[in-house]
Amino acid sequence: KTFIEHAGAVQPAPAPRFDRTPGNVTLPPRRPGADTDAVLD
């Protein structure tokens, strides 16, 4: 599972790998300023 598909895009998986606390892709690329209000709040 070297590559993953996230939000419709094939991309490299997080590296390196951890057996107990694995990495993860949480969000697709965001438009500039998409989270301004939430971040400032």
Full PDB file with SEQRES, HELIX, SHEET, SSBOND, CRYST1, ORIGX, SCALE, CONECT and MASTER records, all heavy atoms in Angstrom:
SEQRES   1 A   41  LYS THR PHE ILE GLU HIS ALA GLY ALA VAL GLN PRO ALA          
SEQRES   2 A   41  PRO ALA PRO ARG PHE ASP ARG THR PRO GLY ASN VAL THR          
SEQRES   3 A   41  LEU PRO PRO ARG ARG PRO GLY ALA ASP THR ASP ALA VAL          
SEQRES   4 A   41  LEU ASP                                                      
HELIX    1 AA1 THR A   36  LEU A   40  1                                   5    
SHEET    1 AA1 2 PHE A   3  HIS A   6  0                                        
SHEET    2 AA1 2 ALA A   9  PRO A  12 -1                                        
CRYST1    1.000    1.000    1.000  90.00  90.00  90.00 P 1           1          
ORIGX1      1.000000  0.000000  0.000000        0.00000                         
ORIGX2      0.000000  1.000000  0.000000        0.00000                         
ORIGX3      0.000000  0.000000  1.000000        0.00000                         
SCALE1      1.000000  0.000000  0.000000        0.00000                         
SCALE2      0.000000  1.000000  0.000000        0.00000                         
SCALE3      0.000000  0.000000  1.000000        0.00000                         
ATOM      1  N   LYS A   1       0.841  -1.200   0.000  1.00  0.00           N  
ATOM      2  CA  LYS A   1       0.000   0.000   0.000  1.00  0.00           C  
ATOM      3  C   LYS A   1       0.880   1.257   0.000  1.00  0.00           C  
ATOM      4  O   LYS A   1       0.657   2.208   0.753  1.00  0.00           O  
ATOM      5  CB  LYS A   1      -0.966   0.002   1.182  1.00  0.00           C  
ATOM      6  CG  LYS A   1      -1.996  -1.125   1.144  1.00  0.00           C  
ATOM      7  CD  LYS A   1      -2.946  -1.054   2.313  1.00  0.00           C  
ATOM      8  CE  LYS A   1      -4.070  -2.082   2.185  1.00  0.00           C  
ATOM      9  NZ  LYS A   1      -3.584  -3.460   2.115  1.00  0.00           N  
ATOM     10  N   THR A   2       1.882   1.216  -0.873  1.00  0.00           N  
ATOM     11  CA  THR A   2       2.809   2.333  -1.010  1.00  0.00           C  
ATOM     12  C   THR A   2       2.104   3.575  -1.523  1.00  0.00           C  
ATOM     13  O   THR A   2       2.493   4.700  -1.213  1.00  0.00           O  
ATOM     14  CB  THR A   2       3.960   1.949  -1.964  1.00  0.00           C  
ATOM     15  OG1 THR A   2       4.588   0.760  -1.467  1.00  0.00           O  
ATOM     16  CG2 THR A   2       4.987   3.064  -2.072  1.00  0.00           C  
ATOM     17  N   PHE A   3       1.054   3.357  -2.318  1.00  0.00           N  
ATOM     18  CA  PHE A   3       0.237   4.466  -2.820  1.00  0.00           C  
ATOM     19  C   PHE A   3      -1.171   4.342  -2.254  1.00  0.00           C  
ATOM     20  O   PHE A   3      -1.661   3.234  -2.015  1.00  0.00           O  
ATOM     21  CB  PHE A   3       0.177   4.443  -4.351  1.00  0.00           C  
ATOM     22  CG  PHE A   3       1.506   4.655  -5.017  1.00  0.00           C  
ATOM     23  CD1 PHE A   3       2.320   3.572  -5.328  1.00  0.00           C  
ATOM     24  CD2 PHE A   3       1.951   5.928  -5.324  1.00  0.00           C  
ATOM     25  CE1 PHE A   3       3.555   3.761  -5.945  1.00  0.00           C  
ATOM     26  CE2 PHE A   3       3.177   6.128  -5.940  1.00  0.00           C  
ATOM     27  CZ  PHE A   3       3.982   5.037  -6.238  1.00  0.00           C  
ATOM     28  N   ILE A   4      -1.789   5.477  -2.028  1.00  0.00           N  
ATOM     29  CA  ILE A   4      -3.166   5.502  -1.565  1.00  0.00           C  
ATOM     30  C   ILE A   4      -3.975   6.385  -2.500  1.00  0.00           C  
ATOM     31  O   ILE A   4      -3.426   7.189  -3.260  1.00  0.00           O  
ATOM     32  CB  ILE A   4      -3.275   6.061  -0.129  1.00  0.00           C  
ATOM     33  CG1 ILE A   4      -2.712   7.494  -0.067  1.00  0.00           C  
ATOM     34  CG2 ILE A   4      -2.557   5.152   0.860  1.00  0.00           C  
ATOM     35  CD1 ILE A   4      -2.946   8.185   1.263  1.00  0.00           C  
ATOM     36  N   GLU A   5      -5.273   6.217  -2.450  1.00  0.00           N  
ATOM     37  CA  GLU A   5      -6.157   7.127  -3.168  1.00  0.00           C  
ATOM     38  C   GLU A   5      -6.934   7.923  -2.129  1.00  0.00           C  
ATOM     39  O   GLU A   5      -7.603   7.352  -1.257  1.00  0.00           O  
ATOM     40  CB  GLU A   5      -7.118   6.377  -4.084  1.00  0.00           C  
ATOM     41  CG  GLU A   5      -7.989   7.312  -4.907  1.00  0.00           C  
ATOM     42  CD  GLU A   5      -8.797   6.604  -5.977  1.00  0.00           C  
ATOM     43  OE1 GLU A   5      -8.475   5.446  -6.294  1.00  0.00           O  
ATOM     44  OE2 GLU A   5      -9.746   7.218  -6.503  1.00  0.00           O  
ATOM     45  N   HIS A   6      -6.807   9.235  -2.199  1.00  0.00           N  
ATOM     46  CA  HIS A   6      -7.477  10.098  -1.233  1.00  0.00           C  
ATOM     47  C   HIS A   6      -8.117  11.251  -1.976  1.00  0.00           C  
ATOM     48  O   HIS A   6      -7.448  11.923  -2.765  1.00  0.00           O  
ATOM     49  CB  HIS A   6      -6.475  10.622  -0.202  1.00  0.00           C  
ATOM     50  CG  HIS A   6      -7.104  11.332   0.959  1.00  0.00           C  
ATOM     51  ND1 HIS A   6      -7.297  12.687   0.997  1.00  0.00           N  
ATOM     52  CD2 HIS A   6      -7.611  10.853   2.132  1.00  0.00           C  
ATOM     53  CE1 HIS A   6      -7.875  13.026   2.138  1.00  0.00           C  
ATOM     54  NE2 HIS A   6      -8.071  11.934   2.841  1.00  0.00           N  
ATOM     55  N   ALA A   7      -9.401  11.452  -1.744  1.00  0.00           N  
ATOM     56  CA  ALA A   7     -10.156  12.523  -2.404  1.00  0.00           C  
ATOM     57  C   ALA A   7      -9.998  12.442  -3.920  1.00  0.00           C  
ATOM     58  O   ALA A   7      -9.885  13.468  -4.603  1.00  0.00           O  
ATOM     59  CB  ALA A   7      -9.712  13.886  -1.890  1.00  0.00           C  
ATOM     60  N   GLY A   8      -9.971  11.216  -4.442  1.00  0.00           N  
ATOM     61  CA  GLY A   8      -9.931  11.020  -5.882  1.00  0.00           C  
ATOM     62  C   GLY A   8      -8.560  11.115  -6.515  1.00  0.00           C  
ATOM     63  O   GLY A   8      -8.440  11.018  -7.736  1.00  0.00           O  
ATOM     64  N   ALA A   9      -7.505  11.304  -5.720  1.00  0.00           N  
ATOM     65  CA  ALA A   9      -6.160  11.437  -6.273  1.00  0.00           C  
ATOM     66  C   ALA A   9      -5.247  10.330  -5.754  1.00  0.00           C  
ATOM     67  O   ALA A   9      -5.189  10.081  -4.547  1.00  0.00           O  
ATOM     68  CB  ALA A   9      -5.569  12.801  -5.923  1.00  0.00           C  
ATOM     69  N   VAL A  10      -4.552   9.668  -6.655  1.00  0.00           N  
ATOM     70  CA  VAL A  10      -3.575   8.660  -6.269  1.00  0.00           C  
ATOM     71  C   VAL A  10      -2.295   9.376  -5.841  1.00  0.00           C  
ATOM     72  O   VAL A  10      -1.802  10.261  -6.542  1.00  0.00           O  
ATOM     73  CB  VAL A  10      -3.280   7.701  -7.436  1.00  0.00           C  
ATOM     74  CG1 VAL A  10      -2.176   6.726  -7.058  1.00  0.00           C  
ATOM     75  CG2 VAL A  10      -4.543   6.953  -7.833  1.00  0.00           C  
ATOM     76  N   GLN A  11      -1.749   8.977  -4.691  1.00  0.00           N  
ATOM     77  CA  GLN A  11      -0.614   9.702  -4.130  1.00  0.00           C  
ATOM     78  C   GLN A  11       0.197   8.787  -3.208  1.00  0.00           C  
ATOM     79  O   GLN A  11      -0.300   7.744  -2.756  1.00  0.00           O  
ATOM     80  CB  GLN A  11      -1.103  10.915  -3.348  1.00  0.00           C  
ATOM     81  CG  GLN A  11      -2.150  10.592  -2.294  1.00  0.00           C  
ATOM     82  CD  GLN A  11      -2.943  11.822  -1.890  1.00  0.00           C  
ATOM     83  OE1 GLN A  11      -2.488  12.590  -1.062  1.00  0.00           O  
ATOM     84  NE2 GLN A  11      -4.128  11.988  -2.467  1.00  0.00           N  
ATOM     85  N   PRO A  12       1.452   9.162  -2.920  1.00  0.00           N  
ATOM     86  CA  PRO A  12       2.257   8.352  -2.007  1.00  0.00           C  
ATOM     87  C   PRO A  12       1.634   8.318  -0.613  1.00  0.00           C  
ATOM     88  O   PRO A  12       1.112   9.316  -0.120  1.00  0.00           O  
ATOM     89  CB  PRO A  12       3.603   9.083  -1.983  1.00  0.00           C  
ATOM     90  CG  PRO A  12       3.633   9.887  -3.240  1.00  0.00           C  
ATOM     91  CD  PRO A  12       2.219  10.289  -3.483  1.00  0.00           C  
ATOM     92  N   ALA A  13       1.714   7.168   0.023  1.00  0.00           N  
ATOM     93  CA  ALA A  13       1.224   7.031   1.395  1.00  0.00           C  
ATOM     94  C   ALA A  13       2.200   7.708   2.357  1.00  0.00           C  
ATOM     95  O   ALA A  13       3.369   7.920   2.023  1.00  0.00           O  
ATOM     96  CB  ALA A  13       1.078   5.553   1.752  1.00  0.00           C  
ATOM     97  N   PRO A  14       1.743   8.061   3.550  1.00  0.00           N  
ATOM     98  CA  PRO A  14       2.661   8.636   4.544  1.00  0.00           C  
ATOM     99  C   PRO A  14       3.842   7.711   4.821  1.00  0.00           C  
ATOM    100  O   PRO A  14       3.700   6.489   4.873  1.00  0.00           O  
ATOM    101  CB  PRO A  14       1.775   8.779   5.784  1.00  0.00           C  
ATOM    102  CG  PRO A  14       0.398   8.948   5.240  1.00  0.00           C  
ATOM    103  CD  PRO A  14       0.349   8.045   4.041  1.00  0.00           C  
ATOM    104  N   ALA A  15       4.991   8.290   4.990  1.00  0.00           N  
ATOM    105  CA  ALA A  15       6.212   7.526   5.279  1.00  0.00           C  
ATOM    106  C   ALA A  15       7.070   8.330   6.257  1.00  0.00           C  
ATOM    107  O   ALA A  15       7.036   9.557   6.239  1.00  0.00           O  
ATOM    108  CB  ALA A  15       6.982   7.267   3.985  1.00  0.00           C  
ATOM    109  N   PRO A  16       7.841   7.641   7.128  1.00  0.00           N  
ATOM    110  CA  PRO A  16       7.913   6.202   7.309  1.00  0.00           C  
ATOM    111  C   PRO A  16       6.695   5.665   8.047  1.00  0.00           C  
ATOM    112  O   PRO A  16       5.805   6.425   8.421  1.00  0.00           O  
ATOM    113  CB  PRO A  16       9.189   6.032   8.132  1.00  0.00           C  
ATOM    114  CG  PRO A  16       9.267   7.289   8.938  1.00  0.00           C  
ATOM    115  CD  PRO A  16       8.757   8.367   8.047  1.00  0.00           C  
ATOM    116  N   ARG A  17       6.690   4.365   8.282  1.00  0.00           N  
ATOM    117  CA  ARG A  17       5.526   3.705   8.878  1.00  0.00           C  
ATOM    118  C   ARG A  17       5.758   3.405  10.362  1.00  0.00           C  
ATOM    119  O   ARG A  17       6.867   3.072  10.769  1.00  0.00           O  
ATOM    120  CB  ARG A  17       5.221   2.417   8.127  1.00  0.00           C  
ATOM    121  CG  ARG A  17       5.014   2.664   6.642  1.00  0.00           C  
ATOM    122  CD  ARG A  17       4.644   1.429   5.898  1.00  0.00           C  
ATOM    123  NE  ARG A  17       4.547   1.694   4.467  1.00  0.00           N  
ATOM    124  CZ  ARG A  17       3.910   0.914   3.617  1.00  0.00           C  
ATOM    125  NH1 ARG A  17       3.315  -0.197   4.043  1.00  0.00           N  
ATOM    126  NH2 ARG A  17       3.875   1.223   2.331  1.00  0.00           N  
ATOM    127  N   PHE A  18       4.699   3.511  11.125  1.00  0.00           N  
ATOM    128  CA  PHE A  18       4.740   3.240  12.565  1.00  0.00           C  
ATOM    129  C   PHE A  18       3.682   2.187  12.874  1.00  0.00           C  
ATOM    130  O   PHE A  18       2.539   2.304  12.435  1.00  0.00           O  
ATOM    131  CB  PHE A  18       4.460   4.521  13.356  1.00  0.00           C  
ATOM    132  CG  PHE A  18       5.503   5.593  13.182  1.00  0.00           C  
ATOM    133  CD1 PHE A  18       5.521   6.378  12.040  1.00  0.00           C  
ATOM    134  CD2 PHE A  18       6.466   5.814  14.157  1.00  0.00           C  
ATOM    135  CE1 PHE A  18       6.479   7.365  11.861  1.00  0.00           C  
ATOM    136  CE2 PHE A  18       7.436   6.796  13.982  1.00  0.00           C  
ATOM    137  CZ  PHE A  18       7.440   7.569  12.834  1.00  0.00           C  
ATOM    138  N   ASP A  19       4.052   1.158  13.634  1.00  0.00           N  
ATOM    139  CA  ASP A  19       3.097   0.073  13.858  1.00  0.00           C  
ATOM    140  C   ASP A  19       2.037   0.409  14.905  1.00  0.00           C  
ATOM    141  O   ASP A  19       0.933  -0.113  14.863  1.00  0.00           O  
ATOM    142  CB  ASP A  19       3.827  -1.225  14.234  1.00  0.00           C  
ATOM    143  CG  ASP A  19       4.524  -1.163  15.582  1.00  0.00           C  
ATOM    144  OD1 ASP A  19       4.696  -0.044  16.121  1.00  0.00           O  
ATOM    145  OD2 ASP A  19       4.898  -2.225  16.113  1.00  0.00           O  
ATOM    146  N   ARG A  20       2.355   1.311  15.835  1.00  0.00           N  
ATOM    147  CA  ARG A  20       1.399   1.621  16.886  1.00  0.00           C  
ATOM    148  C   ARG A  20       0.690   2.954  16.663  1.00  0.00           C  
ATOM    149  O   ARG A  20      -0.484   3.099  17.019  1.00  0.00           O  
ATOM    150  CB  ARG A  20       2.126   1.630  18.250  1.00  0.00           C  
ATOM    151  CG  ARG A  20       1.205   1.813  19.447  1.00  0.00           C  
ATOM    152  CD  ARG A  20       1.960   1.584  20.754  1.00  0.00           C  
ATOM    153  NE  ARG A  20       3.157   2.401  20.857  1.00  0.00           N  
ATOM    154  CZ  ARG A  20       3.156   3.690  21.233  1.00  0.00           C  
ATOM    155  NH1 ARG A  20       2.023   4.296  21.515  1.00  0.00           N  
ATOM    156  NH2 ARG A  20       4.297   4.364  21.305  1.00  0.00           N  
ATOM    157  N   THR A  21       1.383   3.920  16.102  1.00  0.00           N  
ATOM    158  CA  THR A  21       0.784   5.235  15.853  1.00  0.00           C  
ATOM    159  C   THR A  21       0.969   5.602  14.381  1.00  0.00           C  
ATOM    160  O   THR A  21       1.765   6.479  14.043  1.00  0.00           O  
ATOM    161  CB  THR A  21       1.437   6.310  16.739  1.00  0.00           C  
ATOM    162  OG1 THR A  21       2.848   6.336  16.491  1.00  0.00           O  
ATOM    163  CG2 THR A  21       1.171   6.037  18.215  1.00  0.00           C  
ATOM    164  N   PRO A  22       0.276   4.906  13.492  1.00  0.00           N  
ATOM    165  CA  PRO A  22       0.497   5.124  12.054  1.00  0.00           C  
ATOM    166  C   PRO A  22       0.096   6.524  11.606  1.00  0.00           C  
ATOM    167  O   PRO A  22      -0.793   7.156  12.181  1.00  0.00           O  
ATOM    168  CB  PRO A  22      -0.399   4.070  11.401  1.00  0.00           C  
ATOM    169  CG  PRO A  22      -1.482   3.819  12.408  1.00  0.00           C  
ATOM    170  CD  PRO A  22      -0.804   3.930  13.742  1.00  0.00           C  
ATOM    171  N   GLY A  23       0.790   6.994  10.560  1.00  0.00           N  
ATOM    172  CA  GLY A  23       0.433   8.262   9.960  1.00  0.00           C  
ATOM    173  C   GLY A  23      -0.839   8.149   9.157  1.00  0.00           C  
ATOM    174  O   GLY A  23      -1.338   7.051   8.899  1.00  0.00           O  
ATOM    175  N   ASN A  24      -1.359   9.292   8.730  1.00  0.00           N  
ATOM    176  CA  ASN A  24      -2.634   9.289   8.023  1.00  0.00           C  
ATOM    177  C   ASN A  24      -2.796  10.602   7.265  1.00  0.00           C  
ATOM    178  O   ASN A  24      -2.299  11.640   7.692  1.00  0.00           O  
ATOM    179  CB  ASN A  24      -3.790   9.123   9.028  1.00  0.00           C  
ATOM    180  CG  ASN A  24      -5.126   8.977   8.331  1.00  0.00           C  
ATOM    181  OD1 ASN A  24      -5.226   8.333   7.297  1.00  0.00           O  
ATOM    182  ND2 ASN A  24      -6.158   9.577   8.898  1.00  0.00           N  
ATOM    183  N   VAL A  25      -3.474  10.535   6.125  1.00  0.00           N  
ATOM    184  CA  VAL A  25      -3.819  11.751   5.388  1.00  0.00           C  
ATOM    185  C   VAL A  25      -5.218  12.157   5.830  1.00  0.00           C  
ATOM    186  O   VAL A  25      -6.190  11.443   5.591  1.00  0.00           O  
ATOM    187  CB  VAL A  25      -3.789  11.525   3.865  1.00  0.00           C  
ATOM    188  CG1 VAL A  25      -4.193  12.801   3.133  1.00  0.00           C  
ATOM    189  CG2 VAL A  25      -2.410  11.071   3.423  1.00  0.00           C  
ATOM    190  N   THR A  26      -5.320  13.295   6.484  1.00  0.00           N  
ATOM    191  CA  THR A  26      -6.598  13.699   7.081  1.00  0.00           C  
ATOM    192  C   THR A  26      -7.460  14.558   6.169  1.00  0.00           C  
ATOM    193  O   THR A  26      -8.682  14.471   6.214  1.00  0.00           O  
ATOM    194  CB  THR A  26      -6.346  14.485   8.380  1.00  0.00           C  
ATOM    195  OG1 THR A  26      -5.482  15.600   8.100  1.00  0.00           O  
ATOM    196  CG2 THR A  26      -5.672  13.591   9.416  1.00  0.00           C  
ATOM    197  N   LEU A  27      -6.822  15.396   5.363  1.00  0.00           N  
ATOM    198  CA  LEU A  27      -7.571  16.331   4.522  1.00  0.00           C  
ATOM    199  C   LEU A  27      -6.982  16.375   3.127  1.00  0.00           C  
ATOM    200  O   LEU A  27      -5.762  16.266   2.953  1.00  0.00           O  
ATOM    201  CB  LEU A  27      -7.507  17.758   5.107  1.00  0.00           C  
ATOM    202  CG  LEU A  27      -8.228  18.044   6.415  1.00  0.00           C  
ATOM    203  CD1 LEU A  27      -7.823  19.435   6.914  1.00  0.00           C  
ATOM    204  CD2 LEU A  27      -9.738  17.979   6.225  1.00  0.00           C  
ATOM    205  N   PRO A  28      -7.819  16.568   2.111  1.00  0.00           N  
ATOM    206  CA  PRO A  28      -7.285  16.829   0.773  1.00  0.00           C  
ATOM    207  C   PRO A  28      -6.745  18.252   0.733  1.00  0.00           C  
ATOM    208  O   PRO A  28      -6.975  19.031   1.669  1.00  0.00           O  
ATOM    209  CB  PRO A  28      -8.520  16.683  -0.121  1.00  0.00           C  
ATOM    210  CG  PRO A  28      -9.658  17.089   0.755  1.00  0.00           C  
ATOM    211  CD  PRO A  28      -9.295  16.594   2.135  1.00  0.00           C  
ATOM    212  N   PRO A  29      -6.005  18.626  -0.308  1.00  0.00           N  
ATOM    213  CA  PRO A  29      -5.532  20.011  -0.407  1.00  0.00           C  
ATOM    214  C   PRO A  29      -6.705  20.984  -0.318  1.00  0.00           C  
ATOM    215  O   PRO A  29      -7.737  20.796  -0.954  1.00  0.00           O  
ATOM    216  CB  PRO A  29      -4.872  20.057  -1.793  1.00  0.00           C  
ATOM    217  CG  PRO A  29      -4.493  18.644  -2.074  1.00  0.00           C  
ATOM    218  CD  PRO A  29      -5.571  17.817  -1.453  1.00  0.00           C  
ATOM    219  N   ARG A  30      -6.543  22.001   0.499  1.00  0.00           N  
ATOM    220  CA  ARG A  30      -7.616  22.978   0.724  1.00  0.00           C  
ATOM    221  C   ARG A  30      -7.389  24.227  -0.116  1.00  0.00           C  
ATOM    222  O   ARG A  30      -6.257  24.634  -0.367  1.00  0.00           O  
ATOM    223  CB  ARG A  30      -7.651  23.380   2.200  1.00  0.00           C  
ATOM    224  CG  ARG A  30      -7.779  22.210   3.154  1.00  0.00           C  
ATOM    225  CD  ARG A  30      -9.154  21.628   3.156  1.00  0.00           C  
ATOM    226  NE  ARG A  30     -10.084  22.469   3.913  1.00  0.00           N  
ATOM    227  CZ  ARG A  30     -11.409  22.350   3.859  1.00  0.00           C  
ATOM    228  NH1 ARG A  30     -11.964  21.481   3.037  1.00  0.00           N  
ATOM    229  NH2 ARG A  30     -12.167  23.125   4.610  1.00  0.00           N  
ATOM    230  N   ARG A  31      -8.473  24.860  -0.527  1.00  0.00           N  
ATOM    231  CA  ARG A  31      -8.354  26.133  -1.215  1.00  0.00           C  
ATOM    232  C   ARG A  31      -7.808  27.171  -0.227  1.00  0.00           C  
ATOM    233  O   ARG A  31      -8.110  27.122   0.964  1.00  0.00           O  
ATOM    234  CB  ARG A  31      -9.706  26.604  -1.745  1.00  0.00           C  
ATOM    235  CG  ARG A  31     -10.247  25.781  -2.895  1.00  0.00           C  
ATOM    236  CD  ARG A  31     -11.484  26.442  -3.479  1.00  0.00           C  
ATOM    237  NE  ARG A  31     -12.046  25.652  -4.566  1.00  0.00           N  
ATOM    238  CZ  ARG A  31     -13.067  26.043  -5.321  1.00  0.00           C  
ATOM    239  NH1 ARG A  31     -13.629  27.219  -5.068  1.00  0.00           N  
ATOM    240  NH2 ARG A  31     -13.518  25.283  -6.292  1.00  0.00           N  
ATOM    241  N   PRO A  32      -7.014  28.110  -0.724  1.00  0.00           N  
ATOM    242  CA  PRO A  32      -6.493  29.148   0.171  1.00  0.00           C  
ATOM    243  C   PRO A  32      -7.608  29.859   0.926  1.00  0.00           C  
ATOM    244  O   PRO A  32      -8.580  30.318   0.332  1.00  0.00           O  
ATOM    245  CB  PRO A  32      -5.775  30.109  -0.790  1.00  0.00           C  
ATOM    246  CG  PRO A  32      -5.370  29.244  -1.940  1.00  0.00           C  
ATOM    247  CD  PRO A  32      -6.495  28.264  -2.106  1.00  0.00           C  
ATOM    248  N   GLY A  33      -7.462  29.886   2.238  1.00  0.00           N  
ATOM    249  CA  GLY A  33      -8.450  30.581   3.065  1.00  0.00           C  
ATOM    250  C   GLY A  33      -9.702  29.805   3.370  1.00  0.00           C  
ATOM    251  O   GLY A  33     -10.624  30.339   4.010  1.00  0.00           O  
ATOM    252  N   ALA A  34      -9.762  28.539   2.979  1.00  0.00           N  
ATOM    253  CA  ALA A  34     -10.991  27.761   3.175  1.00  0.00           C  
ATOM    254  C   ALA A  34     -11.358  27.610   4.645  1.00  0.00           C  
ATOM    255  O   ALA A  34     -12.531  27.408   4.975  1.00  0.00           O  
ATOM    256  CB  ALA A  34     -10.841  26.379   2.535  1.00  0.00           C  
ATOM    257  N   ASP A  35     -10.394  27.711   5.530  1.00  0.00           N  
ATOM    258  CA  ASP A  35     -10.644  27.459   6.947  1.00  0.00           C  
ATOM    259  C   ASP A  35     -10.349  28.678   7.816  1.00  0.00           C  
ATOM    260  O   ASP A  35     -10.143  28.545   9.028  1.00  0.00           O  
ATOM    261  CB  ASP A  35      -9.774  26.280   7.407  1.00  0.00           C  
ATOM    262  CG  ASP A  35      -9.907  25.084   6.496  1.00  0.00           C  
ATOM    263  OD1 ASP A  35     -10.968  24.444   6.505  1.00  0.00           O  
ATOM    264  OD2 ASP A  35      -8.945  24.801   5.747  1.00  0.00           O  
ATOM    265  N   THR A  36     -10.328  29.848   7.202  1.00  0.00           N  
ATOM    266  CA  THR A  36      -9.944  31.054   7.936  1.00  0.00           C  
ATOM    267  C   THR A  36     -10.765  31.248   9.201  1.00  0.00           C  
ATOM    268  O   THR A  36     -10.213  31.417  10.299  1.00  0.00           O  
ATOM    269  CB  THR A  36     -10.067  32.299   7.031  1.00  0.00           C  
ATOM    270  OG1 THR A  36      -9.151  32.167   5.932  1.00  0.00           O  
ATOM    271  CG2 THR A  36      -9.724  33.565   7.814  1.00  0.00           C  
ATOM    272  N   ASP A  37     -12.071  31.227   9.073  1.00  0.00           N  
ATOM    273  CA  ASP A  37     -12.921  31.481  10.238  1.00  0.00           C  
ATOM    274  C   ASP A  37     -12.705  30.438  11.327  1.00  0.00           C  
ATOM    275  O   ASP A  37     -12.589  30.772  12.517  1.00  0.00           O  
ATOM    276  CB  ASP A  37     -14.392  31.503   9.826  1.00  0.00           C  
ATOM    277  CG  ASP A  37     -14.764  32.766   9.056  1.00  0.00           C  
ATOM    278  OD1 ASP A  37     -13.843  33.560   8.758  1.00  0.00           O  
ATOM    279  OD2 ASP A  37     -15.956  32.954   8.745  1.00  0.00           O  
ATOM    280  N   ALA A  38     -12.660  29.166  10.926  1.00  0.00           N  
ATOM    281  CA  ALA A  38     -12.519  28.082  11.905  1.00  0.00           C  
ATOM    282  C   ALA A  38     -11.168  28.167  12.628  1.00  0.00           C  
ATOM    283  O   ALA A  38     -11.088  27.979  13.846  1.00  0.00           O  
ATOM    284  CB  ALA A  38     -12.663  26.732  11.214  1.00  0.00           C  
ATOM    285  N   VAL A  39     -10.108  28.473  11.889  1.00  0.00           N  
ATOM    286  CA  VAL A  39      -8.784  28.561  12.482  1.00  0.00           C  
ATOM    287  C   VAL A  39      -8.704  29.731  13.461  1.00  0.00           C  
ATOM    288  O   VAL A  39      -8.203  29.599  14.583  1.00  0.00           O  
ATOM    289  CB  VAL A  39      -7.706  28.709  11.386  1.00  0.00           C  
ATOM    290  CG1 VAL A  39      -6.360  29.098  11.997  1.00  0.00           C  
ATOM    291  CG2 VAL A  39      -7.567  27.406  10.608  1.00  0.00           C  
ATOM    292  N   LEU A  40      -9.218  30.884  13.046  1.00  0.00           N  
ATOM    293  CA  LEU A  40      -9.160  32.054  13.921  1.00  0.00           C  
ATOM    294  C   LEU A  40     -10.042  31.873  15.151  1.00  0.00           C  
ATOM    295  O   LEU A  40      -9.678  32.276  16.257  1.00  0.00           O  
ATOM    296  CB  LEU A  40      -9.577  33.311  13.147  1.00  0.00           C  
ATOM    297  CG  LEU A  40      -8.660  33.707  11.986  1.00  0.00           C  
ATOM    298  CD1 LEU A  40      -9.142  35.021  11.366  1.00  0.00           C  
ATOM    299  CD2 LEU A  40      -7.220  33.840  12.440  1.00  0.00           C  
ATOM    300  N   ASP A  41     -11.188  31.253  14.965  1.00  0.00           N  
ATOM    301  CA  ASP A  41     -12.080  30.996  16.098  1.00  0.00           C  
ATOM    302  C   ASP A  41     -11.391  30.083  17.116  1.00  0.00           C  
ATOM    303  O   ASP A  41     -11.435  30.338  18.325  1.00  0.00           O  
ATOM    304  CB  ASP A  41     -13.379  30.357  15.601  1.00  0.00           C  
ATOM    305  CG  ASP A  41     -14.316  30.026  16.748  1.00  0.00           C  
ATOM    306  OD1 ASP A  41     -14.866  30.963  17.356  1.00  0.00           O  
ATOM    307  OD2 ASP A  41     -14.489  28.825  17.036  1.00  0.00           O  
TER     308      ASP A  41                                                      
MASTER        0    0    0    1    2    0    0    6  307    1    0    4          
END                                                                             
